[in-house]
């Protein structure tokens, strides 16, 4: 993969920005700021163990599974 940061040279051709990637990048940026304001730290923190990080991930994925189930139920009920 081309790494403009380390080489300082822009890629030979610059494709137009993918609006979906830009939207996700904006969401990440906003989430980072919101999280820092709420918790006063970021993911570079050193006070969590690997187990703690895995616990957070599991909880987030369980939430995502619930959201998927809700949307599936709504989709089936609307067909």
N, C-alpha and C. Protein backbone atom coordinates (compact mmCIF):
# COMPACT_ATOMS: atom_id res chain seq x y z
N UNK A 1 0.84 -1.18 0.00
CA UNK A 1 0.00 0.00 0.00
C UNK A 1 0.88 1.24 0.00
N UNK A 2 0.50 2.22 -0.76
CA UNK A 2 1.26 3.45 -0.86
C UNK A 2 1.12 4.25 0.41
N UNK A 3 2.22 4.74 0.94
CA UNK A 3 2.20 5.48 2.20
C UNK A 3 2.74 6.88 1.99
N UNK A 4 1.85 7.82 1.72
CA UNK A 4 2.24 9.20 1.46
C UNK A 4 2.88 9.83 2.69
N UNK A 5 2.45 9.44 3.88
CA UNK A 5 2.98 10.03 5.11
C UNK A 5 4.47 9.76 5.24
N UNK A 6 4.88 8.52 5.02
CA UNK A 6 6.29 8.18 5.21
C UNK A 6 7.16 8.66 4.05
N UNK A 7 6.61 8.73 2.84
CA UNK A 7 7.42 9.13 1.69
C UNK A 7 7.36 10.63 1.44
N UNK A 8 6.26 11.27 1.85
CA UNK A 8 6.09 12.69 1.59
C UNK A 8 5.72 12.99 0.15
N UNK A 9 5.52 11.96 -0.63
CA UNK A 9 5.19 12.13 -2.05
C UNK A 9 3.75 11.69 -2.27
N UNK A 10 2.93 12.54 -2.88
CA UNK A 10 1.54 12.15 -3.10
C UNK A 10 1.45 11.01 -4.10
N UNK A 11 0.39 10.23 -4.04
CA UNK A 11 0.24 9.13 -5.01
C UNK A 11 0.16 9.68 -6.43
N UNK A 12 0.52 8.86 -7.40
CA UNK A 12 0.53 9.32 -8.80
C UNK A 12 -0.80 9.87 -9.27
N UNK A 13 -1.88 9.23 -8.89
CA UNK A 13 -3.21 9.75 -9.23
C UNK A 13 -4.03 9.79 -7.95
N UNK A 14 -4.82 10.82 -7.79
CA UNK A 14 -5.66 10.95 -6.61
C UNK A 14 -7.10 10.73 -7.02
N UNK A 15 -7.67 9.60 -6.62
CA UNK A 15 -9.07 9.35 -6.98
C UNK A 15 -9.98 10.30 -6.20
N UNK A 16 -11.17 10.48 -6.71
CA UNK A 16 -12.12 11.31 -5.97
C UNK A 16 -12.45 10.62 -4.65
N UNK A 17 -12.78 11.40 -3.66
CA UNK A 17 -13.07 10.85 -2.35
C UNK A 17 -14.38 10.07 -2.38
N UNK A 18 -14.33 8.90 -1.79
CA UNK A 18 -15.52 8.07 -1.67
C UNK A 18 -16.39 8.66 -0.56
N UNK A 19 -17.61 9.09 -0.89
CA UNK A 19 -18.45 9.75 0.12
C UNK A 19 -18.77 8.84 1.32
N UNK A 20 -18.81 7.53 1.10
CA UNK A 20 -19.08 6.62 2.21
C UNK A 20 -17.89 6.56 3.17
N UNK A 21 -16.69 6.56 2.62
CA UNK A 21 -15.48 6.56 3.45
C UNK A 21 -15.38 7.87 4.22
N UNK A 22 -15.69 8.97 3.55
CA UNK A 22 -15.66 10.28 4.20
C UNK A 22 -16.68 10.32 5.34
N UNK A 23 -17.86 9.77 5.12
CA UNK A 23 -18.89 9.76 6.16
C UNK A 23 -18.43 8.96 7.38
N UNK A 24 -17.81 7.80 7.14
CA UNK A 24 -17.32 6.98 8.25
C UNK A 24 -16.18 7.69 8.98
N UNK A 25 -15.28 8.32 8.22
CA UNK A 25 -14.17 9.06 8.83
C UNK A 25 -14.71 10.18 9.71
N UNK A 26 -15.73 10.88 9.24
CA UNK A 26 -16.35 11.94 10.04
C UNK A 26 -16.96 11.38 11.32
N UNK A 27 -17.62 10.22 11.21
CA UNK A 27 -18.22 9.60 12.40
C UNK A 27 -17.15 9.21 13.40
N UNK A 28 -16.04 8.66 12.92
CA UNK A 28 -14.94 8.29 13.81
C UNK A 28 -14.36 9.51 14.51
N UNK A 29 -14.16 10.56 13.75
CA UNK A 29 -13.61 11.80 14.31
C UNK A 29 -14.53 12.34 15.41
N UNK A 30 -15.84 12.39 15.11
CA UNK A 30 -16.81 12.89 16.08
C UNK A 30 -16.88 11.99 17.31
N UNK A 31 -16.82 10.67 17.09
CA UNK A 31 -16.85 9.72 18.20
C UNK A 31 -15.62 9.88 19.09
N UNK A 32 -14.47 10.13 18.47
CA UNK A 32 -13.25 10.31 19.23
C UNK A 32 -13.39 11.52 20.16
N UNK A 33 -13.89 12.62 19.63
CA UNK A 33 -14.05 13.83 20.44
C UNK A 33 -15.08 13.62 21.55
N UNK A 34 -16.20 12.99 21.21
CA UNK A 34 -17.24 12.74 22.20
C UNK A 34 -16.71 11.84 23.33
N UNK A 35 -15.98 10.80 22.95
CA UNK A 35 -15.41 9.89 23.95
C UNK A 35 -14.41 10.57 24.84
N UNK A 36 -13.59 11.43 24.26
CA UNK A 36 -12.60 12.13 25.08
C UNK A 36 -13.27 13.08 26.07
N UNK A 37 -14.31 13.77 25.60
CA UNK A 37 -15.04 14.66 26.50
C UNK A 37 -15.73 13.88 27.62
N UNK A 38 -16.26 12.70 27.29
CA UNK A 38 -16.98 11.90 28.28
C UNK A 38 -16.04 11.22 29.27
N UNK A 39 -14.93 10.63 28.76
CA UNK A 39 -14.06 9.81 29.59
C UNK A 39 -12.73 10.47 29.96
N UNK A 40 -12.39 11.57 29.28
CA UNK A 40 -11.15 12.26 29.58
C UNK A 40 -9.90 11.50 29.15
N UNK A 41 -10.06 10.55 28.26
CA UNK A 41 -8.93 9.76 27.77
C UNK A 41 -9.29 9.20 26.40
N UNK A 42 -8.35 8.47 25.81
CA UNK A 42 -8.61 7.85 24.51
C UNK A 42 -8.12 6.41 24.54
N UNK A 43 -8.04 5.79 23.39
CA UNK A 43 -7.66 4.37 23.35
C UNK A 43 -6.17 4.13 23.55
N UNK A 44 -5.40 5.19 23.77
CA UNK A 44 -3.99 4.99 24.09
C UNK A 44 -3.79 4.77 25.59
N UNK A 45 -4.88 4.80 26.32
CA UNK A 45 -4.80 4.62 27.78
C UNK A 45 -4.15 3.28 28.11
N UNK A 46 -3.48 3.23 29.23
CA UNK A 46 -2.73 2.03 29.62
C UNK A 46 -3.32 1.33 30.84
N UNK A 47 -4.46 1.81 31.34
CA UNK A 47 -5.02 1.25 32.57
C UNK A 47 -5.91 0.04 32.36
N UNK A 48 -6.21 -0.31 31.11
CA UNK A 48 -7.06 -1.46 30.84
C UNK A 48 -6.21 -2.66 30.43
N UNK A 49 -6.62 -3.82 30.90
CA UNK A 49 -5.93 -5.06 30.52
C UNK A 49 -6.49 -5.54 29.19
N UNK A 50 -5.85 -6.54 28.64
CA UNK A 50 -6.37 -7.16 27.41
C UNK A 50 -7.78 -7.68 27.68
N UNK A 51 -7.98 -8.29 28.84
CA UNK A 51 -9.31 -8.80 29.20
C UNK A 51 -10.33 -7.67 29.21
N UNK A 52 -9.97 -6.51 29.79
CA UNK A 52 -10.88 -5.37 29.82
C UNK A 52 -11.27 -4.92 28.41
N UNK A 53 -10.27 -4.85 27.51
CA UNK A 53 -10.55 -4.46 26.13
C UNK A 53 -11.46 -5.47 25.46
N UNK A 54 -11.21 -6.75 25.72
CA UNK A 54 -12.07 -7.80 25.14
C UNK A 54 -13.48 -7.71 25.69
N UNK A 55 -13.62 -7.37 26.96
CA UNK A 55 -14.94 -7.21 27.56
C UNK A 55 -15.70 -6.07 26.89
N UNK A 56 -15.01 -4.94 26.69
CA UNK A 56 -15.64 -3.81 25.99
C UNK A 56 -16.06 -4.21 24.58
N UNK A 57 -15.19 -4.90 23.88
CA UNK A 57 -15.51 -5.33 22.52
C UNK A 57 -16.71 -6.26 22.51
N UNK A 58 -16.74 -7.22 23.43
CA UNK A 58 -17.86 -8.16 23.49
C UNK A 58 -19.18 -7.42 23.74
N UNK A 59 -19.16 -6.47 24.64
CA UNK A 59 -20.37 -5.70 24.93
C UNK A 59 -20.84 -4.92 23.71
N UNK A 60 -19.91 -4.31 22.98
CA UNK A 60 -20.26 -3.57 21.76
C UNK A 60 -20.84 -4.51 20.70
N UNK A 61 -20.24 -5.69 20.56
CA UNK A 61 -20.72 -6.65 19.57
C UNK A 61 -22.09 -7.21 19.95
N UNK A 62 -22.32 -7.40 21.23
CA UNK A 62 -23.65 -7.85 21.67
C UNK A 62 -24.69 -6.79 21.36
N UNK A 63 -24.36 -5.52 21.58
CA UNK A 63 -25.27 -4.44 21.20
C UNK A 63 -25.55 -4.49 19.71
N UNK A 64 -24.50 -4.68 18.91
CA UNK A 64 -24.66 -4.75 17.46
C UNK A 64 -25.57 -5.91 17.06
N UNK A 65 -25.43 -7.06 17.73
CA UNK A 65 -26.28 -8.21 17.43
C UNK A 65 -27.74 -7.90 17.72
N UNK A 66 -28.00 -7.16 18.79
CA UNK A 66 -29.38 -6.77 19.10
C UNK A 66 -29.91 -5.85 18.02
N UNK A 67 -29.10 -4.89 17.58
CA UNK A 67 -29.55 -3.96 16.52
C UNK A 67 -29.85 -4.73 15.24
N UNK A 68 -29.03 -5.70 14.89
CA UNK A 68 -29.27 -6.52 13.70
C UNK A 68 -30.59 -7.25 13.84
N UNK A 69 -30.86 -7.84 15.00
CA UNK A 69 -32.10 -8.57 15.21
C UNK A 69 -33.31 -7.66 15.06
N UNK A 70 -33.25 -6.47 15.63
CA UNK A 70 -34.36 -5.51 15.50
C UNK A 70 -34.62 -5.20 14.04
N UNK A 71 -33.58 -4.92 13.29
CA UNK A 71 -33.75 -4.56 11.87
C UNK A 71 -34.26 -5.74 11.05
N UNK A 72 -33.80 -6.94 11.37
CA UNK A 72 -34.31 -8.13 10.67
C UNK A 72 -35.79 -8.31 10.95
N UNK A 73 -36.19 -8.16 12.18
CA UNK A 73 -37.61 -8.30 12.54
C UNK A 73 -38.45 -7.24 11.82
N UNK A 74 -37.97 -6.02 11.79
CA UNK A 74 -38.71 -4.96 11.10
C UNK A 74 -38.80 -5.25 9.61
N UNK A 75 -37.72 -5.77 9.04
CA UNK A 75 -37.71 -6.08 7.61
C UNK A 75 -38.70 -7.19 7.30
N UNK A 76 -38.70 -8.26 8.09
CA UNK A 76 -39.61 -9.38 7.87
C UNK A 76 -41.06 -8.94 8.03
N UNK A 77 -41.31 -8.13 9.02
CA UNK A 77 -42.69 -7.66 9.27
C UNK A 77 -43.19 -6.67 8.21
N UNK A 78 -42.27 -6.07 7.46
CA UNK A 78 -42.67 -5.11 6.42
C UNK A 78 -42.77 -5.74 5.05
N UNK A 79 -42.45 -7.02 4.94
CA UNK A 79 -42.52 -7.69 3.62
C UNK A 79 -43.90 -8.23 3.35
